[in-house]
Amino acid sequence: MPTMITLSLLLNLAVLVPVTGSIIGNAGWTLAAYGPPSPARGIVLAVYLAILAGSVALLWRPVPEMVAVLLLVQIAYKLLTPFTVGTLANPVVASNLAIAAFHAVTVALIVKNAAQ
């Protein structure tokens, strides 16, 4: 289980560092994925930065229950994105679903370990 916790948190970093940097820098690809700069895009950036900060903190001190909460929130919003965006074709939606599946394995292991 500790390995999966570390992998899930590192996955967050691997995705969120370039994504948040690209949104902040207004990289060309962000227009297609997130739309033009707007208050809504700024809110998404704030959520991503919060998840990134939480992931860094939990890598430093991985409390399984806290990791589970962070990952469960991510799983919930990622599973909702096909409905809120209205398509599976958006690259953010597709990657969200893959990441949610990975994090679900980690959460299942945390829950299984807590039950023992």
N, C-alpha and C. Protein backbone atom coordinates (compact mmCIF):
# COMPACT_ATOMS: atom_id res chain seq x y z
N MET A 1 0.80 -1.20 0.00
CA MET A 1 0.00 0.00 0.00
C MET A 1 0.85 1.28 0.00
N PRO A 2 1.91 1.37 0.80
CA PRO A 2 2.71 2.60 0.76
C PRO A 2 3.22 2.93 -0.64
N THR A 3 3.53 1.91 -1.42
CA THR A 3 4.01 2.15 -2.78
C THR A 3 2.92 2.79 -3.63
N MET A 4 1.69 2.30 -3.52
CA MET A 4 0.60 2.87 -4.32
C MET A 4 0.27 4.29 -3.88
N ILE A 5 0.37 4.55 -2.58
CA ILE A 5 0.16 5.93 -2.11
C ILE A 5 1.19 6.84 -2.76
N THR A 6 2.44 6.43 -2.70
CA THR A 6 3.51 7.24 -3.30
C THR A 6 3.29 7.41 -4.79
N LEU A 7 2.91 6.34 -5.48
CA LEU A 7 2.69 6.42 -6.93
C LEU A 7 1.52 7.35 -7.27
N SER A 8 0.44 7.28 -6.51
CA SER A 8 -0.70 8.17 -6.77
C SER A 8 -0.31 9.63 -6.56
N LEU A 9 0.42 9.90 -5.50
CA LEU A 9 0.83 11.27 -5.23
C LEU A 9 1.83 11.76 -6.27
N LEU A 10 2.74 10.89 -6.68
CA LEU A 10 3.69 11.26 -7.74
C LEU A 10 2.98 11.46 -9.07
N LEU A 11 1.94 10.66 -9.33
CA LEU A 11 1.14 10.86 -10.55
C LEU A 11 0.51 12.25 -10.54
N ASN A 12 -0.01 12.65 -9.37
CA ASN A 12 -0.56 14.01 -9.27
C ASN A 12 0.50 15.05 -9.63
N LEU A 13 1.69 14.89 -9.09
CA LEU A 13 2.76 15.85 -9.39
C LEU A 13 3.12 15.82 -10.87
N ALA A 14 3.25 14.61 -11.42
CA ALA A 14 3.65 14.46 -12.82
C ALA A 14 2.64 15.12 -13.77
N VAL A 15 1.38 15.10 -13.40
CA VAL A 15 0.34 15.71 -14.23
C VAL A 15 0.19 17.19 -13.91
N LEU A 16 0.13 17.52 -12.63
CA LEU A 16 -0.25 18.88 -12.24
C LEU A 16 0.85 19.92 -12.39
N VAL A 17 2.11 19.52 -12.26
CA VAL A 17 3.18 20.52 -12.44
C VAL A 17 3.15 21.07 -13.87
N PRO A 18 3.17 20.21 -14.89
CA PRO A 18 3.12 20.79 -16.25
C PRO A 18 1.78 21.44 -16.60
N VAL A 19 0.69 20.87 -16.10
CA VAL A 19 -0.63 21.44 -16.42
C VAL A 19 -0.79 22.81 -15.79
N THR A 20 -0.49 22.94 -14.50
CA THR A 20 -0.64 24.25 -13.86
C THR A 20 0.34 25.26 -14.46
N GLY A 21 1.55 24.82 -14.75
CA GLY A 21 2.51 25.71 -15.39
C GLY A 21 2.03 26.17 -16.75
N SER A 22 1.41 25.26 -17.49
CA SER A 22 0.89 25.61 -18.82
C SER A 22 -0.30 26.54 -18.74
N ILE A 23 -1.16 26.32 -17.76
CA ILE A 23 -2.32 27.21 -17.61
C ILE A 23 -1.83 28.60 -17.20
N ILE A 24 -0.91 28.65 -16.25
CA ILE A 24 -0.37 29.94 -15.80
C ILE A 24 0.32 30.66 -16.97
N GLY A 25 1.08 29.91 -17.77
CA GLY A 25 1.80 30.48 -18.90
C GLY A 25 0.96 30.64 -20.15
N ASN A 26 -0.31 30.22 -20.08
CA ASN A 26 -1.22 30.31 -21.21
C ASN A 26 -0.67 29.61 -22.46
N ALA A 27 -0.14 28.40 -22.25
CA ALA A 27 0.38 27.60 -23.36
C ALA A 27 -0.72 27.35 -24.39
N GLY A 28 -0.32 27.23 -25.64
CA GLY A 28 -1.28 27.08 -26.73
C GLY A 28 -2.26 25.94 -26.55
N TRP A 29 -1.79 24.81 -26.06
CA TRP A 29 -2.67 23.64 -25.93
C TRP A 29 -3.77 23.86 -24.89
N THR A 30 -3.55 24.79 -23.96
CA THR A 30 -4.56 24.99 -22.90
C THR A 30 -5.84 25.61 -23.45
N LEU A 31 -5.74 26.32 -24.56
CA LEU A 31 -6.94 26.92 -25.16
C LEU A 31 -7.91 25.82 -25.59
N ALA A 32 -7.41 24.77 -26.23
CA ALA A 32 -8.28 23.68 -26.68
C ALA A 32 -8.79 22.85 -25.50
N ALA A 33 -7.95 22.68 -24.49
CA ALA A 33 -8.33 21.81 -23.38
C ALA A 33 -9.16 22.53 -22.32
N TYR A 34 -8.85 23.80 -22.05
CA TYR A 34 -9.49 24.53 -20.94
C TYR A 34 -10.22 25.79 -21.37
N GLY A 35 -10.14 26.13 -22.65
CA GLY A 35 -10.77 27.35 -23.13
C GLY A 35 -9.87 28.55 -22.89
N PRO A 36 -10.33 29.72 -23.29
CA PRO A 36 -9.52 30.93 -23.12
C PRO A 36 -9.46 31.32 -21.64
N PRO A 37 -8.49 32.16 -21.29
CA PRO A 37 -8.42 32.64 -19.91
C PRO A 37 -9.77 33.22 -19.47
N SER A 38 -10.22 32.78 -18.31
CA SER A 38 -11.53 33.21 -17.80
C SER A 38 -11.56 32.96 -16.30
N PRO A 39 -12.54 33.51 -15.62
CA PRO A 39 -12.66 33.21 -14.19
C PRO A 39 -12.82 31.70 -13.93
N ALA A 40 -13.57 31.02 -14.79
CA ALA A 40 -13.76 29.58 -14.61
C ALA A 40 -12.44 28.83 -14.71
N ARG A 41 -11.64 29.21 -15.68
CA ARG A 41 -10.33 28.57 -15.83
C ARG A 41 -9.45 28.88 -14.63
N GLY A 42 -9.55 30.08 -14.09
CA GLY A 42 -8.81 30.43 -12.89
C GLY A 42 -9.24 29.59 -11.69
N ILE A 43 -10.53 29.28 -11.61
CA ILE A 43 -11.02 28.43 -10.52
C ILE A 43 -10.47 27.02 -10.67
N VAL A 44 -10.46 26.50 -11.88
CA VAL A 44 -9.88 25.17 -12.12
C VAL A 44 -8.40 25.17 -11.74
N LEU A 45 -7.69 26.22 -12.09
CA LEU A 45 -6.28 26.33 -11.73
C LEU A 45 -6.12 26.32 -10.21
N ALA A 46 -6.98 27.03 -9.51
CA ALA A 46 -6.90 27.06 -8.04
C ALA A 46 -7.12 25.66 -7.45
N VAL A 47 -8.07 24.93 -8.00
CA VAL A 47 -8.32 23.56 -7.52
C VAL A 47 -7.10 22.69 -7.79
N TYR A 48 -6.54 22.81 -8.99
CA TYR A 48 -5.35 22.03 -9.34
C TYR A 48 -4.17 22.37 -8.41
N LEU A 49 -3.99 23.65 -8.12
CA LEU A 49 -2.89 24.05 -7.24
C LEU A 49 -3.10 23.52 -5.82
N ALA A 50 -4.35 23.49 -5.36
CA ALA A 50 -4.64 22.93 -4.04
C ALA A 50 -4.33 21.44 -3.99
N ILE A 51 -4.71 20.72 -5.03
CA ILE A 51 -4.41 19.29 -5.10
C ILE A 51 -2.91 19.06 -5.17
N LEU A 52 -2.23 19.90 -5.93
CA LEU A 52 -0.77 19.80 -6.03
C LEU A 52 -0.12 20.03 -4.68
N ALA A 53 -0.53 21.07 -3.97
CA ALA A 53 0.03 21.37 -2.64
C ALA A 53 -0.25 20.23 -1.67
N GLY A 54 -1.47 19.72 -1.70
CA GLY A 54 -1.81 18.59 -0.83
C GLY A 54 -0.99 17.36 -1.13
N SER A 55 -0.75 17.11 -2.41
CA SER A 55 0.05 15.95 -2.81
C SER A 55 1.49 16.08 -2.35
N VAL A 56 2.05 17.28 -2.48
CA VAL A 56 3.42 17.51 -2.02
C VAL A 56 3.50 17.29 -0.50
N ALA A 57 2.55 17.86 0.23
CA ALA A 57 2.55 17.72 1.69
C ALA A 57 2.42 16.25 2.10
N LEU A 58 1.56 15.52 1.40
CA LEU A 58 1.35 14.12 1.76
C LEU A 58 2.50 13.22 1.31
N LEU A 59 3.26 13.63 0.32
CA LEU A 59 4.49 12.89 -0.01
C LEU A 59 5.49 13.03 1.13
N TRP A 60 5.51 14.21 1.71
CA TRP A 60 6.42 14.48 2.83
C TRP A 60 5.99 13.71 4.07
N ARG A 61 4.66 13.66 4.32
CA ARG A 61 4.13 12.92 5.48
C ARG A 61 2.87 12.19 5.04
N PRO A 62 3.01 10.99 4.52
CA PRO A 62 1.86 10.26 3.95
C PRO A 62 0.97 9.60 5.01
N VAL A 63 -0.05 10.32 5.44
CA VAL A 63 -1.05 9.77 6.36
C VAL A 63 -2.12 9.12 5.48
N PRO A 64 -2.25 7.78 5.52
CA PRO A 64 -3.15 7.10 4.59
C PRO A 64 -4.58 7.65 4.57
N GLU A 65 -5.13 7.98 5.72
CA GLU A 65 -6.50 8.50 5.75
C GLU A 65 -6.60 9.84 5.02
N MET A 66 -5.59 10.66 5.16
CA MET A 66 -5.59 11.96 4.48
C MET A 66 -5.40 11.78 2.98
N VAL A 67 -4.55 10.85 2.61
CA VAL A 67 -4.35 10.54 1.18
C VAL A 67 -5.67 10.06 0.59
N ALA A 68 -6.36 9.18 1.32
CA ALA A 68 -7.63 8.64 0.81
C ALA A 68 -8.64 9.76 0.56
N VAL A 69 -8.72 10.73 1.46
CA VAL A 69 -9.66 11.84 1.28
C VAL A 69 -9.29 12.66 0.04
N LEU A 70 -8.02 13.00 -0.10
CA LEU A 70 -7.58 13.75 -1.28
C LEU A 70 -7.92 13.00 -2.56
N LEU A 71 -7.61 11.71 -2.59
CA LEU A 71 -7.85 10.92 -3.79
C LEU A 71 -9.34 10.73 -4.06
N LEU A 72 -10.15 10.56 -3.00
CA LEU A 72 -11.59 10.41 -3.19
C LEU A 72 -12.21 11.67 -3.78
N VAL A 73 -11.76 12.84 -3.34
CA VAL A 73 -12.26 14.09 -3.93
C VAL A 73 -11.87 14.14 -5.41
N GLN A 74 -10.64 13.75 -5.71
CA GLN A 74 -10.21 13.74 -7.11
C GLN A 74 -11.02 12.75 -7.94
N ILE A 75 -11.23 11.56 -7.40
CA ILE A 75 -12.00 10.55 -8.12
C ILE A 75 -13.40 11.09 -8.42
N ALA A 76 -14.03 11.70 -7.43
CA ALA A 76 -15.39 12.22 -7.62
C ALA A 76 -15.43 13.27 -8.73
N TYR A 77 -14.53 14.26 -8.67
CA TYR A 77 -14.61 15.31 -9.70
C TYR A 77 -14.20 14.78 -11.06
N LYS A 78 -13.26 13.86 -11.09
CA LYS A 78 -12.82 13.32 -12.37
C LYS A 78 -13.91 12.48 -13.02
N LEU A 79 -14.66 11.72 -12.22
CA LEU A 79 -15.76 10.93 -12.77
C LEU A 79 -16.93 11.80 -13.21
N LEU A 80 -17.04 12.98 -12.65
CA LEU A 80 -18.12 13.90 -13.06
C LEU A 80 -17.79 14.67 -14.34
N THR A 81 -16.52 14.75 -14.71
CA THR A 81 -16.15 15.59 -15.85
C THR A 81 -16.80 15.19 -17.18
N PRO A 82 -16.99 13.91 -17.49
CA PRO A 82 -17.67 13.63 -18.77
C PRO A 82 -19.09 14.22 -18.81
N PHE A 83 -19.74 14.28 -17.65
CA PHE A 83 -21.09 14.82 -17.59
C PHE A 83 -21.09 16.35 -17.62
N THR A 84 -20.15 16.96 -16.93
CA THR A 84 -20.12 18.42 -16.89
C THR A 84 -19.56 19.02 -18.17
N VAL A 85 -18.65 18.31 -18.81
CA VAL A 85 -18.07 18.79 -20.07
C VAL A 85 -18.95 18.38 -21.26
N GLY A 86 -19.63 17.24 -21.12
CA GLY A 86 -20.55 16.79 -22.16
C GLY A 86 -19.93 15.94 -23.24
N THR A 87 -18.70 15.46 -23.00
CA THR A 87 -18.04 14.63 -24.02
C THR A 87 -16.93 13.81 -23.37
N LEU A 88 -16.61 12.71 -24.03
CA LEU A 88 -15.43 11.93 -23.66
C LEU A 88 -14.24 12.29 -24.54
N ALA A 89 -14.49 13.10 -25.58
CA ALA A 89 -13.45 13.40 -26.57
C ALA A 89 -12.44 14.42 -26.07
N ASN A 90 -12.78 15.22 -25.07
CA ASN A 90 -11.84 16.20 -24.55
C ASN A 90 -10.66 15.49 -23.88
N PRO A 91 -9.43 15.88 -24.18
CA PRO A 91 -8.27 15.19 -23.61
C PRO A 91 -8.19 15.28 -22.08
N VAL A 92 -8.72 16.34 -21.50
CA VAL A 92 -8.73 16.46 -20.04
C VAL A 92 -9.68 15.42 -19.45
N VAL A 93 -10.82 15.23 -20.07
CA VAL A 93 -11.80 14.24 -19.60
C VAL A 93 -11.19 12.85 -19.68
N ALA A 94 -10.58 12.51 -20.79
CA ALA A 94 -9.99 11.18 -20.96
C ALA A 94 -8.90 10.92 -19.93
N SER A 95 -8.03 11.89 -19.73
CA SER A 95 -6.96 11.69 -18.74
C SER A 95 -7.54 11.64 -17.33
N ASN A 96 -8.57 12.42 -17.06
CA ASN A 96 -9.21 12.37 -15.74
C ASN A 96 -9.72 10.98 -15.42
N LEU A 97 -10.34 10.33 -16.39
CA LEU A 97 -10.88 8.99 -16.15
C LEU A 97 -9.78 7.97 -15.88
N ALA A 98 -8.69 8.07 -16.61
CA ALA A 98 -7.57 7.15 -16.39
C ALA A 98 -6.95 7.37 -15.01
N ILE A 99 -6.78 8.62 -14.63
CA ILE A 99 -6.20 8.93 -13.32
C ILE A 99 -7.15 8.49 -12.21
N ALA A 100 -8.45 8.68 -12.40
CA ALA A 100 -9.43 8.24 -11.39
C ALA A 100 -9.35 6.74 -11.17
N ALA A 101 -9.17 5.98 -12.24
CA ALA A 101 -9.05 4.52 -12.11
C ALA A 101 -7.80 4.16 -11.31
N PHE A 102 -6.70 4.81 -11.59
CA PHE A 102 -5.46 4.55 -10.84
C PHE A 102 -5.64 4.88 -9.36
N HIS A 103 -6.20 6.06 -9.09
CA HIS A 103 -6.40 6.47 -7.70
C HIS A 103 -7.40 5.56 -6.99
N ALA A 104 -8.37 5.02 -7.71
CA ALA A 104 -9.34 4.11 -7.09
C ALA A 104 -8.66 2.86 -6.55
N VAL A 105 -7.66 2.37 -7.25
CA VAL A 105 -6.90 1.22 -6.76
C VAL A 105 -6.20 1.58 -5.45
N THR A 106 -5.60 2.75 -5.41
CA THR A 106 -4.91 3.19 -4.20
C THR A 106 -5.89 3.30 -3.03
N VAL A 107 -7.05 3.92 -3.26
CA VAL A 107 -8.04 4.07 -2.20
C VAL A 107 -8.54 2.70 -1.74
N ALA A 108 -8.77 1.79 -2.65
CA ALA A 108 -9.21 0.45 -2.27
C ALA A 108 -8.18 -0.23 -1.38
N LEU A 109 -6.91 -0.06 -1.69
CA LEU A 109 -5.87 -0.65 -0.85
C LEU A 109 -5.80 0.02 0.53
N ILE A 110 -6.00 1.31 0.58
CA ILE A 110 -6.01 2.02 1.86
C ILE A 110 -7.16 1.51 2.72
N VAL A 111 -8.34 1.39 2.13
CA VAL A 111 -9.52 0.92 2.86
C VAL A 111 -9.31 -0.52 3.32
N LYS A 112 -8.78 -1.35 2.44
CA LYS A 112 -8.54 -2.76 2.79
C LYS A 112 -7.55 -2.84 3.96
N ASN A 113 -6.51 -2.06 3.92
CA ASN A 113 -5.51 -2.07 4.98
C ASN A 113 -6.10 -1.56 6.30
N ALA A 114 -6.97 -0.56 6.23
CA ALA A 114 -7.59 0.00 7.44
C ALA A 114 -8.55 -1.00 8.08
N ALA A 115 -9.14 -1.87 7.26
CA ALA A 115 -10.09 -2.85 7.77
C ALA A 115 -9.40 -4.02 8.48
N GLN A 116 -8.12 -4.16 8.28
CA GLN A 116 -7.40 -5.30 8.87
C GLN A 116 -6.97 -5.03 10.28
